[in-house]
Protein backbone atom coordinates (compact mmCIF):
# COMPACT_ATOMS: atom_id res chain seq x y z
CA MET A 1 -51.88 43.81 5.41
CA MET A 2 -55.16 45.63 4.83
CA SER A 3 -56.14 47.98 7.63
CA CYS A 4 -59.17 50.06 8.51
CA VAL A 5 -59.36 53.29 10.48
CA LEU A 6 -61.59 53.01 13.55
CA LEU A 7 -63.19 56.22 14.82
CA ASN A 8 -65.02 56.79 18.07
CA HIS A 9 -68.68 57.85 18.01
CA ASP A 10 -67.59 61.52 18.19
CA TYR A 11 -65.33 61.00 15.11
CA SER A 12 -62.11 61.09 17.12
CA PHE A 13 -59.39 58.67 16.03
CA LEU A 14 -59.25 55.47 18.11
CA ASN A 15 -57.11 52.93 16.33
CA VAL A 16 -56.19 51.14 13.14
CA VAL A 17 -57.64 47.63 12.98
CA ASP A 18 -57.00 44.67 10.68
CA TRP A 19 -59.66 43.98 8.05
CA LYS A 20 -60.64 40.72 9.78
CA ARG A 21 -61.36 42.55 13.04
CA ALA A 22 -63.31 45.15 11.04
CA MET A 23 -65.49 42.44 9.52
CA CYS A 24 -66.20 41.03 13.00
CA LEU A 25 -67.23 44.47 14.26
CA ILE A 26 -69.55 44.89 11.25
CA ALA A 27 -71.11 41.45 11.79
CA LYS A 28 -71.75 42.24 15.47
CA GLY A 29 -73.39 45.56 14.56
CA LYS A 30 -70.98 47.64 16.61
CA VAL A 31 -69.78 49.95 13.83
CA GLN A 32 -71.12 52.08 11.02
CA ILE A 33 -69.21 52.10 7.72
CA LEU A 34 -68.25 55.60 6.60
CA ALA A 35 -66.07 54.77 3.59
CA TRP A 36 -65.15 51.71 1.54
CA SER A 37 -61.71 50.92 0.18
CA LYS A 38 -61.06 49.64 -3.32
CA LYS A 39 -59.68 46.37 -1.96
CA THR A 40 -61.72 43.18 -1.99
CA VAL A 41 -61.49 39.75 -0.38
CA ARG A 42 -62.71 36.48 -1.89
CA THR A 43 -64.05 33.82 0.47
CA ALA A 44 -63.68 30.07 0.04
CA GLU A 45 -67.24 29.93 -1.35
CA GLY A 46 -66.32 32.46 -4.04
CA ILE A 47 -68.10 35.43 -2.48
CA VAL A 48 -66.34 38.75 -3.11
CA MET A 49 -66.55 41.32 -0.28
CA LYS A 50 -65.33 44.90 -0.23
CA ILE A 51 -63.08 45.94 2.66
CA PRO A 52 -64.16 49.02 4.63
CA ALA A 53 -61.68 51.90 4.90
CA VAL A 54 -63.20 53.97 7.72
CA LEU A 55 -65.47 52.71 10.51
CA LYS A 56 -67.28 54.65 13.26
CA LEU A 57 -68.37 53.06 16.53
CA ILE A 58 -72.10 53.17 17.29
CA LYS A 59 -71.52 53.79 21.01
CA LEU A 60 -69.04 56.24 22.48
CA ILE A 61 -66.01 54.75 24.20
CA ARG A 62 -64.46 56.93 26.85
CA SER A 63 -60.76 57.00 26.27
CA LEU A 64 -58.02 58.58 28.29
CA TYR A 65 -55.49 60.19 26.00
CA ARG A 66 -51.90 60.41 27.00
CA ALA A 67 -50.64 63.91 27.53
CA ARG A 68 -47.74 63.39 25.12
CA VAL A 69 -46.13 60.99 22.66
CA PRO A 70 -43.70 58.61 24.39
CA PHE A 71 -40.02 59.07 23.53
CA SER A 72 -38.49 56.29 21.43
CA LYS A 73 -36.13 55.94 18.48
CA ARG A 74 -39.04 54.95 16.25
CA ASN A 75 -41.05 58.05 17.21
CA VAL A 76 -38.05 60.35 16.60
CA LEU A 77 -37.62 58.84 13.12
CA ILE A 78 -41.33 59.29 12.37
CA ARG A 79 -41.24 62.90 13.60
CA ASP A 80 -38.25 63.70 11.36
CA GLY A 81 -39.74 61.90 8.34
CA HIS A 82 -36.94 59.30 8.22
CA ARG A 83 -34.48 61.97 7.03
CA CYS A 84 -31.13 63.01 8.43
CA ALA A 85 -31.40 66.31 10.32
CA TYR A 86 -27.96 67.44 9.08
CA CYS A 87 -27.73 66.46 5.38
CA GLY A 88 -31.35 65.54 4.59
CA CYS A 89 -30.61 62.09 3.13
CA HIS A 90 -33.03 59.24 3.75
CA GLU A 91 -30.95 56.32 2.53
CA GLY A 92 -29.42 53.68 4.75
CA ARG A 93 -29.97 53.12 8.43
CA LEU A 94 -30.56 56.19 10.51
CA THR A 95 -29.43 56.63 14.08
CA ILE A 96 -30.39 58.98 16.86
CA ASP A 97 -28.06 61.91 17.50
CA HIS A 98 -28.09 63.95 20.69
CA ILE A 99 -27.71 67.65 19.87
CA ILE A 100 -26.13 68.30 23.25
CA PRO A 101 -24.15 65.08 23.80
CA ARG A 102 -25.07 62.90 26.74
CA SER A 103 -21.46 63.14 27.91
CA ARG A 104 -22.09 66.87 28.41
CA GLY A 105 -25.38 66.47 30.23
CA GLY A 106 -27.77 66.34 27.27
CA GLY A 107 -31.05 64.60 27.89
CA ASN A 108 -32.84 61.73 26.21
CA ASP A 109 -35.93 63.58 24.98
CA PHE A 110 -37.53 64.92 21.80
CA ASP A 111 -36.03 68.39 22.26
CA ASN A 112 -32.45 67.07 22.29
CA CYS A 113 -32.58 64.18 19.79
CA VAL A 114 -32.78 64.13 16.00
CA ALA A 115 -32.53 61.48 13.29
CA SER A 116 -29.08 61.32 11.74
CA CYS A 117 -27.30 59.21 9.15
CA ARG A 118 -24.29 57.29 10.36
CA ALA A 119 -21.81 59.52 8.47
CA CYS A 120 -23.14 62.76 9.98
CA ASN A 121 -23.36 61.21 13.44
CA CYS A 122 -19.72 60.09 13.25
CA GLN A 123 -18.60 63.48 11.89
CA LYS A 124 -20.33 65.31 14.73
CA GLY A 125 -19.06 62.93 17.37
CA SER A 126 -19.24 64.17 20.96
CA ARG A 127 -19.49 67.83 20.01
CA THR A 128 -22.33 70.27 19.62
CA PRO A 129 -23.42 71.10 16.06
CA ARG A 130 -21.83 74.55 16.34
CA GLU A 131 -18.47 73.06 17.39
CA ALA A 132 -18.63 70.58 14.50
CA ASN A 133 -19.65 73.33 11.99
CA MET A 134 -22.86 71.46 11.15
CA MET A 135 -26.27 73.05 10.69
CA LEU A 136 -29.56 71.45 11.70
CA LEU A 137 -32.16 71.36 8.91
CA VAL A 138 -35.00 70.78 11.38
CA ARG A 139 -35.86 72.23 14.74
CA PRO A 140 -36.54 69.40 17.18
CA SER A 141 -39.66 69.65 19.33
CA GLN A 142 -42.07 67.50 21.31
CA PRO A 143 -44.70 66.21 18.82
CA THR A 144 -48.39 66.15 19.63
CA ILE A 145 -50.63 63.12 19.41
CA SER A 146 -52.67 64.66 16.59
CA GLU A 147 -49.50 65.13 14.50
CA PHE A 148 -48.69 61.45 14.89
CA LEU A 149 -52.23 60.40 13.95
CA ARG A 150 -52.06 62.57 10.82
CA LEU A 151 -48.68 61.06 9.87
CA LYS A 152 -50.08 57.55 10.36
CA ALA A 153 -53.06 58.33 8.12
CA VAL A 154 -50.74 59.69 5.42
CA LYS A 155 -48.52 56.60 5.64
CA MET A 156 -51.57 54.34 5.22
CA GLY A 157 -52.78 56.39 2.26
CA MET A 158 -56.06 57.23 3.99
CA ASP A 159 -55.49 60.97 4.31
CA GLY A 160 -57.62 61.70 1.25
CA ILE A 161 -60.55 59.63 2.51
CA LEU A 162 -60.38 61.22 5.97
CA ALA A 163 -60.15 64.70 4.43
CA ASP A 164 -63.25 64.01 2.33
CA LEU A 165 -65.10 63.04 5.50
CA GLY A 166 -63.92 66.26 7.17
CA ILE A 167 -61.94 64.50 9.89
CA TYR A 168 -58.43 65.75 9.00
C-alpha cells in the first residue's frame, strides 16, 4: 500500500492517507504538495502519475489532541521496538509482561508492562524481575504522541523527507 503523510496548515501531523485519497484531495484543490515520492501509478489510458509523499492542507483544521497514547498491546510493542525487554530478541511472537504481576496488584498501564518473548515471560512467571534474577534492558514509561508519530514516519520510510522539510 502506498501512503502519503497529511499535514495540517500549520505543519502539524494529521494523518497518513492512502494514495487514492491523496489524489482526490489534490483534484479538489484542498492540499498543497510538499514532496513527491519515487513511486508512480499507471492509469488505464496509459498515463503515468507520480504519487505525492507529503501533503499540506490549504485550510487549518482544528484538531483536539488526546492527552496521551492509549494503552494497548500493539502500542507497547511499538514503544519497545518489537524487542524483548529482558533478552533483547525480536524473533517469534512477543507477549506483554507485567513487571509487577497482576496477581500482586500490578496495573495494566505503560509503566508496568513491557514486551517480552514467550521464553522470558515463562521464566519470570508470577514473580518480580528481581525475584526471578532478570534484568530489564529498557525502562518502561508512558510514551508521548510525538514519539509515536516519529516512529510511524520512520516505519514508513518518510523520516528523511520530513527531516528535509524541517518537520521532524
